C-alpha cells in the first residue's frame, strides 16, 4: 500500500477510536491462533529482516503516516 493509503487506513481507525496492536512474527511467522484473530495482516516487504529492523521499519512507517495525516511534509 502506498504511504498515502497507509495514512488513510490508520486515520480511519483513529476516527473510529479503534485500538491497534502490531505483532511482528518470528522466523516461522505468527502462531495460527494469533494470526487467525487478526483483522488485518500487513507486510513490510518481501524481504526477510531481523526483528529489531522490522520494529524500526514499522515505527518509521507510523511516523510517516502521522506526518501525512497532520498535513506536514515528510521529506524536508
C-alpha atoms as a PDB file:
ATOM      1  CA  UNK A   1       0.000   0.000   0.000  1.00  0.00           C
ATOM      2  CA  UNK A   2       1.247   3.491  -0.705  1.00  0.00           C
ATOM      3  CA  UNK A   3       2.225   5.871   2.091  1.00  0.00           C
ATOM      4  CA  UNK A   4      -0.939   7.876   1.479  1.00  0.00           C
ATOM      5  CA  UNK A   5      -3.171   4.793   1.591  1.00  0.00           C
ATOM      6  CA  UNK A   6      -1.431   3.584   4.751  1.00  0.00           C
ATOM      7  CA  UNK A   7      -2.048   7.010   6.333  1.00  0.00           C
ATOM      8  CA  UNK A   8      -5.712   6.873   5.272  1.00  0.00           C
ATOM      9  CA  UNK A   9      -6.052   3.367   6.735  1.00  0.00           C
ATOM     10  CA  UNK A  10      -4.589   4.491  10.053  1.00  0.00           C
ATOM     11  CA  UNK A  11      -6.648   7.696  10.001  1.00  0.00           C
ATOM     12  CA  UNK A  12      -9.866   5.722   9.517  1.00  0.00           C
ATOM     13  CA  UNK A  13      -9.081   3.596  12.550  1.00  0.00           C
ATOM     14  CA  UNK A  14      -8.182   6.685  14.549  1.00  0.00           C
ATOM     15  CA  UNK A  15     -11.534   8.278  13.678  1.00  0.00           C
ATOM     16  CA  UNK A  16     -13.310   5.081  14.754  1.00  0.00           C
ATOM     17  CA  UNK A  17     -11.426   5.155  18.059  1.00  0.00           C
ATOM     18  CA  UNK A  18     -10.020   1.718  17.298  1.00  0.00           C
ATOM     19  CA  UNK A  19      -7.123   0.388  19.285  1.00  0.00           C
ATOM     20  CA  UNK A  20      -4.347  -1.117  17.201  1.00  0.00           C
ATOM     21  CA  UNK A  21      -1.837  -3.765  18.170  1.00  0.00           C
ATOM     22  CA  UNK A  22       1.039  -4.664  15.892  1.00  0.00           C
ATOM     23  CA  UNK A  23       2.680  -8.077  16.200  1.00  0.00           C
ATOM     24  CA  UNK A  24       5.900  -8.989  14.439  1.00  0.00           C
ATOM     25  CA  UNK A  25       6.196 -12.690  13.723  1.00  0.00           C
ATOM     26  CA  UNK A  26       9.231 -14.826  14.269  1.00  0.00           C
ATOM     27  CA  UNK A  27      11.119 -16.874  11.674  1.00  0.00           C
ATOM     28  CA  UNK A  28       8.086 -19.153  11.263  1.00  0.00           C
ATOM     29  CA  UNK A  29       5.565 -16.309  11.342  1.00  0.00           C
ATOM     30  CA  UNK A  30       2.875 -15.921  13.966  1.00  0.00           C
ATOM     31  CA  UNK A  31       1.160 -18.892  15.598  1.00  0.00           C
ATOM     32  CA  UNK A  32      -2.113 -19.784  13.890  1.00  0.00           C
ATOM     33  CA  UNK A  33      -4.233 -18.816  16.899  1.00  0.00           C
ATOM     34  CA  UNK A  34      -2.856 -15.261  16.759  1.00  0.00           C
ATOM     35  CA  UNK A  35      -2.882 -14.992  13.002  1.00  0.00           C
ATOM     36  CA  UNK A  36      -6.485 -16.175  12.849  1.00  0.00           C
ATOM     37  CA  UNK A  37      -7.651 -13.486  15.262  1.00  0.00           C
ATOM     38  CA  UNK A  38      -6.176 -10.611  13.272  1.00  0.00           C
ATOM     39  CA  UNK A  39      -8.492  -8.198  11.472  1.00  0.00           C
ATOM     40  CA  UNK A  40      -5.693  -7.271   9.076  1.00  0.00           C
ATOM     41  CA  UNK A  41      -2.272  -8.513   8.122  1.00  0.00           C
ATOM     42  CA  UNK A  42       0.465  -6.216   6.892  1.00  0.00           C
ATOM     43  CA  UNK A  43       3.690  -6.914   5.099  1.00  0.00           C
ATOM     44  CA  UNK A  44       6.754  -4.725   5.462  1.00  0.00           C
ATOM     45  CA  UNK A  45       8.027  -6.082   2.166  1.00  0.00           C
ATOM     46  CA  UNK A  46       9.048  -9.342   0.533  1.00  0.00           C
ATOM     47  CA  UNK A  47      12.465  -9.484   2.185  1.00  0.00           C
ATOM     48  CA  UNK A  48      13.218 -11.183   5.479  1.00  0.00           C
ATOM     49  CA  UNK A  49      14.621  -8.883   8.160  1.00  0.00           C
ATOM     50  CA  UNK A  50      15.729  -9.080  11.763  1.00  0.00           C
ATOM     51  CA  UNK A  51      13.077  -8.350  14.387  1.00  0.00           C
ATOM     52  CA  UNK A  52      14.876  -5.221  15.521  1.00  0.00           C
ATOM     53  CA  UNK A  53      14.944  -3.885  11.973  1.00  0.00           C
ATOM     54  CA  UNK A  54      11.260  -4.760  11.442  1.00  0.00           C
ATOM     55  CA  UNK A  55      10.413  -2.681  14.518  1.00  0.00           C
ATOM     56  CA  UNK A  56      12.318   0.292  13.135  1.00  0.00           C
ATOM     57  CA  UNK A  57      10.671  -0.028   9.706  1.00  0.00           C
ATOM     58  CA  UNK A  58       7.200  -0.208  11.290  1.00  0.00           C
ATOM     59  CA  UNK A  59       7.966   2.785  13.510  1.00  0.00           C
ATOM     60  CA  UNK A  60       9.173   4.800  10.514  1.00  0.00           C
ATOM     61  CA  UNK A  61       6.000   3.956   8.591  1.00  0.00           C
ATOM     62  CA  UNK A  62       3.834   5.022  11.538  1.00  0.00           C
ATOM     63  CA  UNK A  63       5.819   8.277  11.797  1.00  0.00           C
ATOM     64  CA  UNK A  64       5.402   8.926   8.064  1.00  0.00           C
ATOM     65  CA  UNK A  65       1.644   8.248   8.207  1.00  0.00           C
ATOM     66  CA  UNK A  66       1.193  10.613  11.140  1.00  0.00           C
ATOM     67  CA  UNK A  67       3.067  13.368   9.302  1.00  0.00           C
ATOM     68  CA  UNK A  68       0.805  12.843   6.263  1.00  0.00           C
ATOM     69  CA  UNK A  69      -2.344  12.904   8.435  1.00  0.00           C
ATOM     70  CA  UNK A  70      -1.147  16.120  10.077  1.00  0.00           C
ATOM     71  CA  UNK A  71      -0.697  17.706   6.659  1.00  0.00           C
ATOM     72  CA  UNK A  72       3.031  18.065   7.208  1.00  0.00           C
ATOM     73  CA  UNK A  73       5.808  17.309   4.776  1.00  0.00           C
ATOM     74  CA  UNK A  74       7.617  14.094   5.437  1.00  0.00           C
ATOM     75  CA  UNK A  75      10.682  14.737   3.296  1.00  0.00           C
ATOM     76  CA  UNK A  76      12.375  18.024   4.058  1.00  0.00           C
END
